[in-house]
Amino acid sequence: MSCGVITAAVVIYFNPVLWWFDPLCTYLFAGMVLCTSYPTLKNCFIIMMEGSPNSLVVDEVTADLLKIKDVISVHDVHFWQTS
């Protein structure tokens, strides 16, 4: 962020006609922050909405549960992500 501020200040200092360079740097920095924080916000939303993990295959878990001694049947299985 400070690199953008310094760059805009130097450009505007030497050429005041380019006053729009400061808002341009601000919008570019805001876009960069938005793009880099999107994956984190997406994961937080999935966890808060109690979404199921992507790497989990329900049929495999059900088959593994049926391999346990004395388990007769498995039905109505639910999974959600907690962290």
C-alpha atoms as a PDB file:
ATOM      1  CA  MET A   1       0.000   0.000   0.000  1.00  0.00           C
ATOM      2  CA  SER A   2       2.729   2.477   0.897  1.00  0.00           C
ATOM      3  CA  CYS A   3       4.426   1.789  -2.447  1.00  0.00           C
ATOM      4  CA  GLY A   4       1.269   2.933  -4.211  1.00  0.00           C
ATOM      5  CA  VAL A   5       1.028   6.049  -2.063  1.00  0.00           C
ATOM      6  CA  ILE A   6       4.674   6.942  -2.672  1.00  0.00           C
ATOM      7  CA  THR A   7       4.364   6.273  -6.399  1.00  0.00           C
ATOM      8  CA  ALA A   8       1.223   8.412  -6.681  1.00  0.00           C
ATOM      9  CA  ALA A   9       2.820  11.204  -4.643  1.00  0.00           C
ATOM     10  CA  VAL A  10       5.940  11.274  -6.818  1.00  0.00           C
ATOM     11  CA  VAL A  11       3.923  11.233 -10.053  1.00  0.00           C
ATOM     12  CA  ILE A  12       1.605  14.025  -8.853  1.00  0.00           C
ATOM     13  CA  TYR A  13       4.508  16.066  -7.462  1.00  0.00           C
ATOM     14  CA  PHE A  14       6.317  16.146 -10.800  1.00  0.00           C
ATOM     15  CA  ASN A  15       3.192  16.356 -12.962  1.00  0.00           C
ATOM     16  CA  PRO A  16       0.135  17.829 -11.138  1.00  0.00           C
ATOM     17  CA  VAL A  17      -2.036  17.263 -14.229  1.00  0.00           C
ATOM     18  CA  LEU A  18      -2.028  13.562 -13.337  1.00  0.00           C
ATOM     19  CA  TRP A  19      -4.054  14.171 -10.140  1.00  0.00           C
ATOM     20  CA  TRP A  20      -6.216  11.155 -11.008  1.00  0.00           C
ATOM     21  CA  PHE A  21      -3.243   8.847 -10.443  1.00  0.00           C
ATOM     22  CA  ASP A  22      -3.895   8.793  -6.667  1.00  0.00           C
ATOM     23  CA  PRO A  23      -7.495   7.487  -6.915  1.00  0.00           C
ATOM     24  CA  LEU A  24      -6.329   5.008  -9.557  1.00  0.00           C
ATOM     25  CA  CYS A  25      -3.723   3.584  -7.167  1.00  0.00           C
ATOM     26  CA  THR A  26      -6.361   3.447  -4.420  1.00  0.00           C
ATOM     27  CA  TYR A  27      -8.777   1.465  -6.592  1.00  0.00           C
ATOM     28  CA  LEU A  28      -6.024  -0.876  -7.764  1.00  0.00           C
ATOM     29  CA  PHE A  29      -4.997  -1.555  -4.159  1.00  0.00           C
ATOM     30  CA  ALA A  30      -8.647  -2.121  -3.129  1.00  0.00           C
ATOM     31  CA  GLY A  31      -9.060  -4.587  -5.996  1.00  0.00           C
ATOM     32  CA  MET A  32      -5.903  -6.418  -4.968  1.00  0.00           C
ATOM     33  CA  VAL A  33      -7.127  -6.718  -1.367  1.00  0.00           C
ATOM     34  CA  LEU A  34     -10.529  -7.945  -2.551  1.00  0.00           C
ATOM     35  CA  CYS A  35      -8.994 -10.598  -4.820  1.00  0.00           C
ATOM     36  CA  THR A  36      -6.626 -11.909  -2.166  1.00  0.00           C
ATOM     37  CA  SER A  37      -9.240 -12.017   0.613  1.00  0.00           C
ATOM     38  CA  TYR A  38     -11.993 -13.683  -1.464  1.00  0.00           C
ATOM     39  CA  PRO A  39     -10.844 -17.306  -0.822  1.00  0.00           C
ATOM     40  CA  THR A  40     -10.785 -16.716   2.931  1.00  0.00           C
ATOM     41  CA  LEU A  41     -14.221 -15.111   2.925  1.00  0.00           C
ATOM     42  CA  LYS A  42     -15.571 -17.967   0.792  1.00  0.00           C
ATOM     43  CA  ASN A  43     -14.247 -20.602   3.233  1.00  0.00           C
ATOM     44  CA  CYS A  44     -15.678 -18.702   6.212  1.00  0.00           C
ATOM     45  CA  PHE A  45     -19.075 -18.531   4.515  1.00  0.00           C
ATOM     46  CA  ILE A  46     -19.062 -22.266   3.760  1.00  0.00           C
ATOM     47  CA  ILE A  47     -18.185 -23.083   7.377  1.00  0.00           C
ATOM     48  CA  MET A  48     -20.842 -20.719   8.766  1.00  0.00           C
ATOM     49  CA  MET A  49     -23.473 -22.242   6.475  1.00  0.00           C
ATOM     50  CA  GLU A  50     -22.384 -25.705   7.665  1.00  0.00           C
ATOM     51  CA  GLY A  51     -21.426 -26.899   4.207  1.00  0.00           C
ATOM     52  CA  SER A  52     -20.030 -30.353   3.670  1.00  0.00           C
ATOM     53  CA  PRO A  53     -16.308 -30.822   2.945  1.00  0.00           C
ATOM     54  CA  ASN A  54     -15.403 -31.161  -0.746  1.00  0.00           C
ATOM     55  CA  SER A  55     -12.975 -34.028  -0.204  1.00  0.00           C
ATOM     56  CA  LEU A  56     -15.556 -36.291   1.449  1.00  0.00           C
ATOM     57  CA  VAL A  57     -17.276 -39.067  -0.530  1.00  0.00           C
ATOM     58  CA  VAL A  58     -20.428 -40.138   1.309  1.00  0.00           C
ATOM     59  CA  ASP A  59     -20.618 -43.563  -0.355  1.00  0.00           C
ATOM     60  CA  GLU A  60     -17.076 -44.449   0.741  1.00  0.00           C
ATOM     61  CA  VAL A  61     -17.740 -43.402   4.338  1.00  0.00           C
ATOM     62  CA  THR A  62     -20.969 -45.384   4.380  1.00  0.00           C
ATOM     63  CA  ALA A  63     -19.177 -48.451   3.010  1.00  0.00           C
ATOM     64  CA  ASP A  64     -16.439 -48.074   5.636  1.00  0.00           C
ATOM     65  CA  LEU A  65     -19.028 -47.794   8.411  1.00  0.00           C
ATOM     66  CA  LEU A  66     -20.676 -51.000   7.233  1.00  0.00           C
ATOM     67  CA  LYS A  67     -17.330 -52.816   7.623  1.00  0.00           C
ATOM     68  CA  ILE A  68     -17.451 -52.249  11.395  1.00  0.00           C
ATOM     69  CA  LYS A  69     -18.486 -55.326  13.375  1.00  0.00           C
ATOM     70  CA  ASP A  70     -22.128 -55.287  14.539  1.00  0.00           C
ATOM     71  CA  VAL A  71     -23.141 -52.401  12.230  1.00  0.00           C
ATOM     72  CA  ILE A  72     -26.178 -53.605  10.325  1.00  0.00           C
ATOM     73  CA  SER A  73     -27.162 -50.561   8.282  1.00  0.00           C
ATOM     74  CA  VAL A  74     -26.331 -46.900   7.750  1.00  0.00           C
ATOM     75  CA  HIS A  75     -28.960 -44.428   6.617  1.00  0.00           C
ATOM     76  CA  ASP A  76     -29.568 -40.675   6.504  1.00  0.00           C
ATOM     77  CA  VAL A  77     -25.893 -39.724   6.801  1.00  0.00           C
ATOM     78  CA  HIS A  78     -25.060 -36.040   7.257  1.00  0.00           C
ATOM     79  CA  PHE A  79     -21.660 -34.330   7.167  1.00  0.00           C
ATOM     80  CA  TRP A  80     -20.701 -30.729   7.783  1.00  0.00           C
ATOM     81  CA  GLN A  81     -17.514 -28.768   8.030  1.00  0.00           C
ATOM     82  CA  THR A  82     -16.542 -27.322  11.390  1.00  0.00           C
ATOM     83  CA  SER A  83     -13.215 -25.672  10.679  1.00  0.00           C
END
